[in-house]
Amino acid sequence: MPTDITQHDHRPLRCPKLGHEVQFTYCRCHAGELPCNKIFDCWWQSFDITAFIKEHYTKDHIKKIIAPPKPKMTSLIEMIQQAQRHQQ
């Protein structure tokens, strides 16, 4: 029987991206339905994050989580294009 996905949400940790403390819930919900791509790097010492991710996410989700991030310029261009589409 799967454990509750929110069981670790209260745990605090310093986020290297943001530079301040966040709770696990922020990392778990970082990209909408997917966790932050740094979740393994940040949480491995606190609990078995690998087992948690394998239990609560599909193999396709895990591939997306561990995929390297897009280059900043690509992300910026995509955001500009999305904003332009919303204005039309």
PDB file of N, CA and C in Angstrom:
ATOM      1  N   MET A   1       0.849  -1.178   0.000  1.00  0.00           N
ATOM      2  CA  MET A   1       0.000   0.000   0.000  1.00  0.00           C
ATOM      3  C   MET A   1       0.895   1.243   0.000  1.00  0.00           C
ATOM      4  N   PRO A   2       0.666   2.165  -0.932  1.00  0.00           N
ATOM      5  CA  PRO A   2       1.507   3.377  -1.005  1.00  0.00           C
ATOM      6  C   PRO A   2       1.359   4.255   0.231  1.00  0.00           C
ATOM      7  N   THR A   3       2.446   4.899   0.577  1.00  0.00           N
ATOM      8  CA  THR A   3       2.406   5.853   1.686  1.00  0.00           C
ATOM      9  C   THR A   3       1.796   7.162   1.192  1.00  0.00           C
ATOM     10  N   ASP A   4       1.432   7.995   2.132  1.00  0.00           N
ATOM     11  CA  ASP A   4       0.850   9.299   1.831  1.00  0.00           C
ATOM     12  C   ASP A   4       1.899  10.189   1.175  1.00  0.00           C
ATOM     13  N   ILE A   5       1.595  10.751   0.015  1.00  0.00           N
ATOM     14  CA  ILE A   5       2.560  11.584  -0.710  1.00  0.00           C
ATOM     15  C   ILE A   5       2.913  12.855   0.072  1.00  0.00           C
ATOM     16  N   THR A   6       2.067  13.249   0.998  1.00  0.00           N
ATOM     17  CA  THR A   6       2.322  14.466   1.773  1.00  0.00           C
ATOM     18  C   THR A   6       3.066  14.202   3.086  1.00  0.00           C
ATOM     19  N   GLN A   7       3.484  12.961   3.326  1.00  0.00           N
ATOM     20  CA  GLN A   7       4.070  12.587   4.615  1.00  0.00           C
ATOM     21  C   GLN A   7       5.316  13.389   4.996  1.00  0.00           C
ATOM     22  N   HIS A   8       6.066  13.894   4.038  1.00  0.00           N
ATOM     23  CA  HIS A   8       7.297  14.640   4.317  1.00  0.00           C
ATOM     24  C   HIS A   8       7.138  16.149   4.083  1.00  0.00           C
ATOM     25  N   ASP A   9       5.953  16.594   3.731  1.00  0.00           N
ATOM     26  CA  ASP A   9       5.745  17.992   3.331  1.00  0.00           C
ATOM     27  C   ASP A   9       6.161  19.016   4.382  1.00  0.00           C
ATOM     28  N   HIS A  10       6.134  18.651   5.639  1.00  0.00           N
ATOM     29  CA  HIS A  10       6.474  19.576   6.725  1.00  0.00           C
ATOM     30  C   HIS A  10       7.979  19.752   6.927  1.00  0.00           C
ATOM     31  N   ARG A  11       8.788  18.864   6.358  1.00  0.00           N
ATOM     32  CA  ARG A  11      10.244  18.902   6.571  1.00  0.00           C
ATOM     33  C   ARG A  11      10.870  20.152   5.938  1.00  0.00           C
ATOM     34  N   PRO A  12      11.700  20.869   6.698  1.00  0.00           N
ATOM     35  CA  PRO A  12      12.380  22.042   6.150  1.00  0.00           C
ATOM     36  C   PRO A  12      13.796  21.710   5.670  1.00  0.00           C
ATOM     37  N   LEU A  13      14.260  22.469   4.695  1.00  0.00           N
ATOM     38  CA  LEU A  13      15.623  22.339   4.182  1.00  0.00           C
ATOM     39  C   LEU A  13      15.973  23.635   3.451  1.00  0.00           C
ATOM     40  N   ARG A  14      17.245  23.990   3.456  1.00  0.00           N
ATOM     41  CA  ARG A  14      17.687  25.185   2.734  1.00  0.00           C
ATOM     42  C   ARG A  14      17.738  24.868   1.246  1.00  0.00           C
ATOM     43  N   CYS A  15      17.075  25.671   0.446  1.00  0.00           N
ATOM     44  CA  CYS A  15      17.041  25.485  -1.008  1.00  0.00           C
ATOM     45  C   CYS A  15      18.244  26.191  -1.632  1.00  0.00           C
ATOM     46  N   PRO A  16      19.109  25.458  -2.338  1.00  0.00           N
ATOM     47  CA  PRO A  16      20.261  26.105  -2.973  1.00  0.00           C
ATOM     48  C   PRO A  16      19.877  27.036  -4.119  1.00  0.00           C
ATOM     49  N   LYS A  17      18.740  26.788  -4.744  1.00  0.00           N
ATOM     50  CA  LYS A  17      18.284  27.657  -5.836  1.00  0.00           C
ATOM     51  C   LYS A  17      17.770  28.992  -5.309  1.00  0.00           C
ATOM     52  N   LEU A  18      16.992  28.943  -4.232  1.00  0.00           N
ATOM     53  CA  LEU A  18      16.363  30.144  -3.693  1.00  0.00           C
ATOM     54  C   LEU A  18      17.222  30.839  -2.640  1.00  0.00           C
ATOM     55  N   GLY A  19      18.063  30.053  -1.974  1.00  0.00           N
ATOM     56  CA  GLY A  19      18.938  30.624  -0.957  1.00  0.00           C
ATOM     57  C   GLY A  19      18.295  30.788   0.408  1.00  0.00           C
ATOM     58  N   HIS A  20      17.154  30.149   0.632  1.00  0.00           N
ATOM     59  CA  HIS A  20      16.520  30.184   1.945  1.00  0.00           C
ATOM     60  C   HIS A  20      15.796  28.871   2.197  1.00  0.00           C
ATOM     61  N   GLU A  21      15.264  28.735   3.394  1.00  0.00           N
ATOM     62  CA  GLU A  21      14.610  27.505   3.795  1.00  0.00           C
ATOM     63  C   GLU A  21      13.232  27.358   3.142  1.00  0.00           C
ATOM     64  N   VAL A  22      12.938  26.139   2.717  1.00  0.00           N
ATOM     65  CA  VAL A  22      11.619  25.794   2.178  1.00  0.00           C
ATOM     66  C   VAL A  22      11.204  24.460   2.786  1.00  0.00           C
ATOM     67  N   GLN A  23       9.941  24.163   2.695  1.00  0.00           N
ATOM     68  CA  GLN A  23       9.461  22.859   3.132  1.00  0.00           C
ATOM     69  C   GLN A  23       9.447  21.917   1.936  1.00  0.00           C
ATOM     70  N   PHE A  24       9.478  20.623   2.223  1.00  0.00           N
ATOM     71  CA  PHE A  24       9.510  19.612   1.172  1.00  0.00           C
ATOM     72  C   PHE A  24       8.349  19.780   0.193  1.00  0.00           C
ATOM     73  N   THR A  25       7.219  20.245   0.654  1.00  0.00           N
ATOM     74  CA  THR A  25       6.071  20.428  -0.230  1.00  0.00           C
ATOM     75  C   THR A  25       6.415  21.339  -1.404  1.00  0.00           C
ATOM     76  N   TYR A  26       7.240  22.358  -1.173  1.00  0.00           N
ATOM     77  CA  TYR A  26       7.653  23.251  -2.258  1.00  0.00           C
ATOM     78  C   TYR A  26       8.441  22.466  -3.304  1.00  0.00           C
ATOM     79  N   CYS A  27       9.355  21.635  -2.854  1.00  0.00           N
ATOM     80  CA  CYS A  27      10.195  20.853  -3.776  1.00  0.00           C
ATOM     81  C   CYS A  27       9.368  19.810  -4.523  1.00  0.00           C
ATOM     82  N   ARG A  28       8.415  19.207  -3.831  1.00  0.00           N
ATOM     83  CA  ARG A  28       7.581  18.166  -4.421  1.00  0.00           C
ATOM     84  C   ARG A  28       6.638  18.738  -5.477  1.00  0.00           C
ATOM     85  N   CYS A  29       6.216  19.974  -5.311  1.00  0.00           N
ATOM     86  CA  CYS A  29       5.235  20.594  -6.227  1.00  0.00           C
ATOM     87  C   CYS A  29       5.855  21.699  -7.073  1.00  0.00           C
ATOM     88  N   HIS A  30       7.153  21.750  -7.166  1.00  0.00           N
ATOM     89  CA  HIS A  30       7.888  22.835  -7.812  1.00  0.00           C
ATOM     90  C   HIS A  30       7.438  23.119  -9.245  1.00  0.00           C
ATOM     91  N   ALA A  31       7.301  22.088 -10.041  1.00  0.00           N
ATOM     92  CA  ALA A  31       6.972  22.279 -11.457  1.00  0.00           C
ATOM     93  C   ALA A  31       5.567  21.766 -11.761  1.00  0.00           C
ATOM     94  N   GLY A  32       4.615  22.167 -10.961  1.00  0.00           N
ATOM     95  CA  GLY A  32       3.245  21.704 -11.178  1.00  0.00           C
ATOM     96  C   GLY A  32       3.082  20.278 -10.704  1.00  0.00           C
ATOM     97  N   GLU A  33       2.987  19.344 -11.619  1.00  0.00           N
ATOM     98  CA  GLU A  33       2.808  17.939 -11.242  1.00  0.00           C
ATOM     99  C   GLU A  33       4.125  17.246 -10.911  1.00  0.00           C
ATOM    100  N   LEU A  34       5.245  17.868 -11.239  1.00  0.00           N
ATOM    101  CA  LEU A  34       6.541  17.231 -11.020  1.00  0.00           C
ATOM    102  C   LEU A  34       7.377  17.961  -9.978  1.00  0.00           C
ATOM    103  N   PRO A  35       8.196  17.204  -9.254  1.00  0.00           N
ATOM    104  CA  PRO A  35       9.113  17.829  -8.300  1.00  0.00           C
ATOM    105  C   PRO A  35      10.254  18.574  -8.996  1.00  0.00           C
ATOM    106  N   CYS A  36      10.952  19.366  -8.211  1.00  0.00           N
ATOM    107  CA  CYS A  36      12.146  20.070  -8.671  1.00  0.00           C
ATOM    108  C   CYS A  36      13.186  19.059  -9.154  1.00  0.00           C
ATOM    109  N   ASN A  37      13.941  19.419 -10.171  1.00  0.00           N
ATOM    110  CA  ASN A  37      14.946  18.494 -10.694  1.00  0.00           C
ATOM    111  C   ASN A  37      16.137  18.312  -9.740  1.00  0.00           C
ATOM    112  N   LYS A  38      16.221  19.102  -8.690  1.00  0.00           N
ATOM    113  CA  LYS A  38      17.290  18.972  -7.692  1.00  0.00           C
ATOM    114  C   LYS A  38      16.835  18.182  -6.459  1.00  0.00           C
ATOM    115  N   ILE A  39      15.650  17.601  -6.505  1.00  0.00           N
ATOM    116  CA  ILE A  39      15.077  16.965  -5.325  1.00  0.00           C
ATOM    117  C   ILE A  39      15.969  15.840  -4.773  1.00  0.00           C
ATOM    118  N   PHE A  40      16.613  15.094  -5.655  1.00  0.00           N
ATOM    119  CA  PHE A  40      17.495  14.008  -5.191  1.00  0.00           C
ATOM    120  C   PHE A  40      18.734  14.587  -4.514  1.00  0.00           C
ATOM    121  N   ASP A  41      19.322  15.611  -5.098  1.00  0.00           N
ATOM    122  CA  ASP A  41      20.528  16.235  -4.541  1.00  0.00           C
ATOM    123  C   ASP A  41      20.271  16.834  -3.164  1.00  0.00           C
ATOM    124  N   CYS A  42      19.122  17.416  -2.979  1.00  0.00           N
ATOM    125  CA  CYS A  42      18.834  18.136  -1.738  1.00  0.00           C
ATOM    126  C   CYS A  42      18.355  17.234  -0.598  1.00  0.00           C
ATOM    127  N   TRP A  43      17.581  16.220  -0.898  1.00  0.00           N
ATOM    128  CA  TRP A  43      16.885  15.484   0.161  1.00  0.00           C
ATOM    129  C   TRP A  43      17.471  14.116   0.491  1.00  0.00           C
ATOM    130  N   TRP A  44      18.504  13.654  -0.178  1.00  0.00           N
ATOM    131  CA  TRP A  44      18.992  12.290   0.034  1.00  0.00           C
ATOM    132  C   TRP A  44      19.458  12.034   1.462  1.00  0.00           C
ATOM    133  N   GLN A  45      19.910  13.050   2.183  1.00  0.00           N
ATOM    134  CA  GLN A  45      20.378  12.842   3.556  1.00  0.00           C
ATOM    135  C   GLN A  45      19.237  12.860   4.577  1.00  0.00           C
ATOM    136  N   SER A  46      18.084  13.382   4.198  1.00  0.00           N
ATOM    137  CA  SER A  46      16.967  13.505   5.132  1.00  0.00           C
ATOM    138  C   SER A  46      16.098  12.254   5.211  1.00  0.00           C
ATOM    139  N   PHE A  47      15.869  11.629   4.072  1.00  0.00           N
ATOM    140  CA  PHE A  47      15.088  10.384   4.011  1.00  0.00           C
ATOM    141  C   PHE A  47      15.349   9.740   2.660  1.00  0.00           C
ATOM    142  N   ASP A  48      14.818   8.553   2.450  1.00  0.00           N
ATOM    143  CA  ASP A  48      15.071   7.819   1.202  1.00  0.00           C
ATOM    144  C   ASP A  48      14.239   8.434   0.076  1.00  0.00           C
ATOM    145  N   ILE A  49      14.771   9.500  -0.495  1.00  0.00           N
ATOM    146  CA  ILE A  49      14.055  10.233  -1.538  1.00  0.00           C
ATOM    147  C   ILE A  49      13.874   9.390  -2.799  1.00  0.00           C
ATOM    148  N   THR A  50      14.838   8.535  -3.090  1.00  0.00           N
ATOM    149  CA  THR A  50      14.731   7.675  -4.279  1.00  0.00           C
ATOM    150  C   THR A  50      13.529   6.746  -4.151  1.00  0.00           C
ATOM    151  N   ALA A  51      13.376   6.109  -3.001  1.00  0.00           N
ATOM    152  CA  ALA A  51      12.230   5.218  -2.784  1.00  0.00           C
ATOM    153  C   ALA A  51      10.920   6.002  -2.828  1.00  0.00           C
ATOM    154  N   PHE A  52      10.919   7.195  -2.248  1.00  0.00           N
ATOM    155  CA  PHE A  52       9.720   8.037  -2.252  1.00  0.00           C
ATOM    156  C   PHE A  52       9.301   8.373  -3.684  1.00  0.00           C
ATOM    157  N   ILE A  53      10.252   8.808  -4.500  1.00  0.00           N
ATOM    158  CA  ILE A  53       9.941   9.178  -5.888  1.00  0.00           C
ATOM    159  C   ILE A  53       9.467   7.956  -6.673  1.00  0.00           C
ATOM    160  N   LYS A  54      10.140   6.824  -6.506  1.00  0.00           N
ATOM    161  CA  LYS A  54       9.730   5.611  -7.219  1.00  0.00           C
ATOM    162  C   LYS A  54       8.332   5.164  -6.824  1.00  0.00           C
ATOM    163  N   GLU A  55       7.964   5.400  -5.570  1.00  0.00           N
ATOM    164  CA  GLU A  55       6.646   4.989  -5.095  1.00  0.00           C
ATOM    165  C   GLU A  55       5.526   5.889  -5.621  1.00  0.00           C
ATOM    166  N   HIS A  56       5.813   7.167  -5.785  1.00  0.00           N
ATOM    167  CA  HIS A  56       4.741   8.118  -6.092  1.00  0.00           C
ATOM    168  C   HIS A  56       4.724   8.654  -7.526  1.00  0.00           C
ATOM    169  N   TYR A  57       5.723   8.324  -8.324  1.00  0.00           N
ATOM    170  CA  TYR A  57       5.785   8.852  -9.698  1.00  0.00           C
ATOM    171  C   TYR A  57       6.052   7.732 -10.686  1.00  0.00           C
ATOM    172  N   THR A  58       5.545   7.905 -11.900  1.00  0.00           N
ATOM    173  CA  THR A  58       5.746   6.909 -12.948  1.00  0.00           C
ATOM    174  C   THR A  58       7.171   7.015 -13.508  1.00  0.00           C
ATOM    175  N   LYS A  59       7.554   6.014 -14.283  1.00  0.00           N
ATOM    176  CA  LYS A  59       8.877   6.040 -14.917  1.00  0.00           C
ATOM    177  C   LYS A  59       9.013   7.239 -15.859  1.00  0.00           C
ATOM    178  N   ASP A  60       7.939   7.582 -16.557  1.00  0.00           N
ATOM    179  CA  ASP A  60       7.972   8.757 -17.441  1.00  0.00           C
ATOM    180  C   ASP A  60       8.165  10.039 -16.641  1.00  0.00           C
ATOM    181  N   HIS A  61       7.491  10.141 -15.501  1.00  0.00           N
ATOM    182  CA  HIS A  61       7.680  11.308 -14.635  1.00  0.00           C
ATOM    183  C   HIS A  61       9.123  11.391 -14.155  1.00  0.00           C
ATOM    184  N   ILE A  62       9.678  10.267 -13.743  1.00  0.00           N
ATOM    185  CA  ILE A  62      11.048  10.249 -13.232  1.00  0.00           C
ATOM    186  C   ILE A  62      12.033  10.675 -14.317  1.00  0.00           C
ATOM    187  N   LYS A  63      11.806  10.240 -15.542  1.00  0.00           N
ATOM    188  CA  LYS A  63      12.667  10.674 -16.652  1.00  0.00           C
ATOM    189  C   LYS A  63      12.637  12.189 -16.807  1.00  0.00           C
ATOM    190  N   LYS A  64      11.447  12.773 -16.663  1.00  0.00           N
ATOM    191  CA  LYS A  64      11.316  14.229 -16.772  1.00  0.00           C
ATOM    192  C   LYS A  64      11.982  14.932 -15.596  1.00  0.00           C
ATOM    193  N   ILE A  65      11.864  14.354 -14.406  1.00  0.00           N
ATOM    194  CA  ILE A  65      12.467  14.957 -13.214  1.00  0.00           C
ATOM    195  C   ILE A  65      13.987  15.017 -13.348  1.00  0.00           C
ATOM    196  N   ILE A  66      14.591  13.938 -13.845  1.00  0.00           N
ATOM    197  CA  ILE A  66      16.056  13.879 -13.908  1.00  0.00           C
ATOM    198  C   ILE A  66      16.630  14.427 -15.216  1.00  0.00           C
ATOM    199  N   ALA A  67      15.774  14.803 -16.148  1.00  0.00           N
ATOM    200  CA  ALA A  67      16.252  15.375 -17.413  1.00  0.00           C
ATOM    201  C   ALA A  67      16.969  16.693 -17.143  1.00  0.00           C
ATOM    202  N   PRO A  68      18.044  16.972 -17.873  1.00  0.00           N
ATOM    203  CA  PRO A  68      18.741  18.245 -17.664  1.00  0.00           C
ATOM    204  C   PRO A  68      17.820  19.411 -18.010  1.00  0.00           C
ATOM    205  N   PRO A  69      17.935  20.505 -17.274  1.00  0.00           N
ATOM    206  CA  PRO A  69      17.070  21.661 -17.556  1.00  0.00           C
ATOM    207  C   PRO A  69      17.395  22.278 -18.910  1.00  0.00           C
ATOM    208  N   LYS A  70      16.414  22.953 -19.479  1.00  0.00           N
ATOM    209  CA  LYS A  70      16.624  23.650 -20.744  1.00  0.00           C
ATOM    210  C   LYS A  70      17.587  24.807 -20.514  1.00  0.00           C
ATOM    211  N   PRO A  71      18.335  25.167 -21.545  1.00  0.00           N
ATOM    212  CA  PRO A  71      19.180  26.358 -21.409  1.00  0.00           C
ATOM    213  C   PRO A  71      18.317  27.586 -21.113  1.00  0.00           C
ATOM    214  N   LYS A  72      18.862  28.524 -20.365  1.00  0.00           N
ATOM    215  CA  LYS A  72      18.117  29.732 -19.955  1.00  0.00           C
ATOM    216  C   LYS A  72      17.551  30.473 -21.158  1.00  0.00           C
ATOM    217  N   MET A  73      18.330  30.579 -22.236  1.00  0.00           N
ATOM    218  CA  MET A  73      17.873  31.320 -23.411  1.00  0.00           C
ATOM    219  C   MET A  73      16.656  30.643 -24.036  1.00  0.00           C
ATOM    220  N   THR A  74      16.651  29.320 -24.101  1.00  0.00           N
ATOM    221  CA  THR A  74      15.512  28.588 -24.647  1.00  0.00           C
ATOM    222  C   THR A  74      14.275  28.831 -23.799  1.00  0.00           C
ATOM    223  N   SER A  75      14.430  28.759 -22.482  1.00  0.00           N
ATOM    224  CA  SER A  75      13.301  28.998 -21.583  1.00  0.00           C
ATOM    225  C   SER A  75      12.770  30.414 -21.735  1.00  0.00           C
ATOM    226  N   LEU A  76      13.652  31.376 -21.850  1.00  0.00           N
ATOM    227  CA  LEU A  76      13.255  32.767 -22.003  1.00  0.00           C
ATOM    228  C   LEU A  76      12.476  32.983 -23.301  1.00  0.00           C
ATOM    229  N   ILE A  77      12.963  32.416 -24.388  1.00  0.00           N
ATOM    230  CA  ILE A  77      12.266  32.537 -25.679  1.00  0.00           C
ATOM    231  C   ILE A  77      10.883  31.900 -25.607  1.00  0.00           C
ATOM    232  N   GLU A  78      10.784  30.723 -24.972  1.00  0.00           N
ATOM    233  CA  GLU A  78       9.489  30.060 -24.839  1.00  0.00           C
ATOM    234  C   GLU A  78       8.513  30.890 -24.016  1.00  0.00           C
ATOM    235  N   MET A  79       8.996  31.534 -22.942  1.00  0.00           N
ATOM    236  CA  MET A  79       8.126  32.377 -22.124  1.00  0.00           C
ATOM    237  C   MET A  79       7.648  33.593 -22.911  1.00  0.00           C
ATOM    238  N   ILE A  80       8.522  34.188 -23.710  1.00  0.00           N
ATOM    239  CA  ILE A  80       8.137  35.336 -24.541  1.00  0.00           C
ATOM    240  C   ILE A  80       7.084  34.917 -25.558  1.00  0.00           C
ATOM    241  N   GLN A  81       7.293  33.779 -26.216  1.00  0.00           N
ATOM    242  CA  GLN A  81       6.333  33.285 -27.197  1.00  0.00           C
ATOM    243  C   GLN A  81       4.982  32.990 -26.549  1.00  0.00           C
ATOM    244  N   GLN A  82       5.011  32.413 -25.370  1.00  0.00           N
ATOM    245  CA  GLN A  82       3.766  32.114 -24.658  1.00  0.00           C
ATOM    246  C   GLN A  82       3.041  33.417 -24.298  1.00  0.00           C
ATOM    247  N   ALA A  83       3.751  34.414 -23.847  1.00  0.00           N
ATOM    248  CA  ALA A  83       3.138  35.703 -23.502  1.00  0.00           C
ATOM    249  C   ALA A  83       2.537  36.350 -24.753  1.00  0.00           C
ATOM    250  N   GLN A  84       3.234  36.243 -25.885  1.00  0.00           N
ATOM    251  CA  GLN A  84       2.716  36.821 -27.119  1.00  0.00           C
ATOM    252  C   GLN A  84       1.437  36.114 -27.554  1.00  0.00           C
ATOM    253  N   ARG A  85       1.364  34.803 -27.401  1.00  0.00           N
ATOM    254  CA  ARG A  85       0.156  34.060 -27.760  1.00  0.00           C
ATOM    255  C   ARG A  85      -1.025  34.474 -26.875  1.00  0.00           C
ATOM    256  N   HIS A  86      -0.771  34.738 -25.601  1.00  0.00           N
ATOM    257  CA  HIS A  86      -1.831  35.137 -24.688  1.00  0.00           C
ATOM    258  C   HIS A  86      -2.365  36.532 -24.989  1.00  0.00           C
ATOM    259  N   GLN A  87      -1.540  37.381 -25.590  1.00  0.00           N
ATOM    260  CA  GLN A  87      -1.966  38.742 -25.916  1.00  0.00           C
ATOM    261  C   GLN A  87      -2.865  38.756 -27.153  1.00  0.00           C
ATOM    262  N   GLN A  88      -2.760  37.767 -27.984  1.00  0.00           N
ATOM    263  CA  GLN A  88      -3.533  37.747 -29.240  1.00  0.00           C
ATOM    264  C   GLN A  88      -4.945  37.315 -29.034  1.00  0.00           C
TER     265      GLN A  88
END
